[in-house]
C-alpha atoms as a PDB file:
ATOM      1  CA  MET A   1     128.905  88.760  42.451  1.00  0.00           C
ATOM      2  CA  MET A   2     128.327  85.595  40.404  1.00  0.00           C
ATOM      3  CA  ILE A   3     124.615  85.529  41.217  1.00  0.00           C
ATOM      4  CA  LYS A   4     124.299  89.155  40.096  1.00  0.00           C
ATOM      5  CA  ALA A   5     125.976  88.392  36.741  1.00  0.00           C
ATOM      6  CA  VAL A   6     123.752  85.358  36.148  1.00  0.00           C
ATOM      7  CA  THR A   7     120.637  87.356  37.033  1.00  0.00           C
ATOM      8  CA  ILE A   8     121.553  90.172  34.627  1.00  0.00           C
ATOM      9  CA  PHE A   9     122.253  87.602  31.892  1.00  0.00           C
ATOM     10  CA  LEU A  10     118.891  85.890  32.397  1.00  0.00           C
ATOM     11  CA  VAL A  11     117.005  89.194  32.406  1.00  0.00           C
ATOM     12  CA  GLY A  12     118.775  90.174  29.182  1.00  0.00           C
ATOM     13  CA  MET A  13     117.851  86.866  27.555  1.00  0.00           C
ATOM     14  CA  ALA A  14     114.212  87.319  28.625  1.00  0.00           C
ATOM     15  CA  ILE A  15     114.139  90.781  27.022  1.00  0.00           C
ATOM     16  CA  LEU A  16     115.597  89.379  23.781  1.00  0.00           C
ATOM     17  CA  ALA A  17     112.982  86.605  23.818  1.00  0.00           C
ATOM     18  CA  MET A  18     110.186  89.165  24.139  1.00  0.00           C
ATOM     19  CA  PHE A  19     111.502  91.084  21.123  1.00  0.00           C
ATOM     20  CA  GLY A  20     111.725  87.817  19.197  1.00  0.00           C
ATOM     21  CA  LYS A  21     108.098  87.011  19.989  1.00  0.00           C
ATOM     22  CA  LEU A  22     107.049  90.416  18.688  1.00  0.00           C
ATOM     23  CA  ARG A  23     108.733  89.842  15.309  1.00  0.00           C
ATOM     24  CA  LEU A  24     107.664  86.210  14.846  1.00  0.00           C
ATOM     25  CA  PRO A  25     104.217  86.835  13.270  1.00  0.00           C
ATOM     26  CA  TYR A  26     105.777  88.906  10.470  1.00  0.00           C
ATOM     27  CA  ILE A  27     108.130  86.093   9.466  1.00  0.00           C
ATOM     28  CA  GLY A  28     105.201  83.822   8.550  1.00  0.00           C
ATOM     29  CA  ARG A  29     104.027  86.176   5.786  1.00  0.00           C
ATOM     30  CA  VAL A  30     107.086  85.566   3.611  1.00  0.00           C
ATOM     31  CA  SER A  31     106.301  83.024   0.930  1.00  0.00           C
ATOM     32  CA  LEU A  32     109.030  80.664  -0.187  1.00  0.00           C
ATOM     33  CA  LYS A  33     109.206  78.848  -3.485  1.00  0.00           C
ATOM     34  CA  LYS A  34     108.682  75.113  -3.491  1.00  0.00           C
ATOM     35  CA  PRO A  35     111.931  73.165  -3.810  1.00  0.00           C
ATOM     36  CA  VAL A  36     112.613  71.889  -7.316  1.00  0.00           C
ATOM     37  CA  LYS A  37     113.432  68.209  -7.803  1.00  0.00           C
ATOM     38  CA  CYS A  38     114.979  66.362 -10.708  1.00  0.00           C
ATOM     39  CA  LYS A  39     112.269  64.522 -12.615  1.00  0.00           C
ATOM     40  CA  SER A  40     114.320  61.371 -13.164  1.00  0.00           C
ATOM     41  CA  CYS A  41     116.267  60.782  -9.937  1.00  0.00           C
ATOM     42  CA  GLY A  42     114.344  62.935  -7.403  1.00  0.00           C
ATOM     43  CA  ARG A  43     117.312  64.930  -6.101  1.00  0.00           C
ATOM     44  CA  TYR A  44     116.784  68.532  -5.067  1.00  0.00           C
ATOM     45  CA  LEU A  45     118.216  71.053  -7.537  1.00  0.00           C
ATOM     46  CA  LEU A  46     120.098  73.772  -5.668  1.00  0.00           C
ATOM     47  CA  SER A  47     120.778  76.073  -8.621  1.00  0.00           C
ATOM     48  CA  SER A  48     119.725  76.500 -12.202  1.00  0.00           C
ATOM     49  CA  ASP A  49     122.349  73.954 -13.330  1.00  0.00           C
ATOM     50  CA  PRO A  50     121.115  70.617 -14.666  1.00  0.00           C
ATOM     51  CA  CYS A  51     121.117  67.589 -12.404  1.00  0.00           C
ATOM     52  CA  SER A  52     124.300  65.557 -12.103  1.00  0.00           C
ATOM     53  CA  CYS A  53     122.461  62.381 -13.128  1.00  0.00           C
ATOM     54  CA  GLY A  54     122.479  63.737 -16.691  1.00  0.00           C
ATOM     55  CA  LYS A  55     118.838  62.881 -17.406  1.00  0.00           C
ATOM     56  CA  GLY A  56     117.070  65.877 -15.929  1.00  0.00           C
END
């Protein structure tokens, strides 16, 4: 009974992996913006708020 459950689980995971491979090429087409850094200290800015260093 345990071997049957493990086999069904592995077959299910293989099917999910095949669907994931089919969708993977479409993910590469999405373009992301470059991360913005503070000009004085070099920290990444996560929102539109000014940097906490107070200079940028």
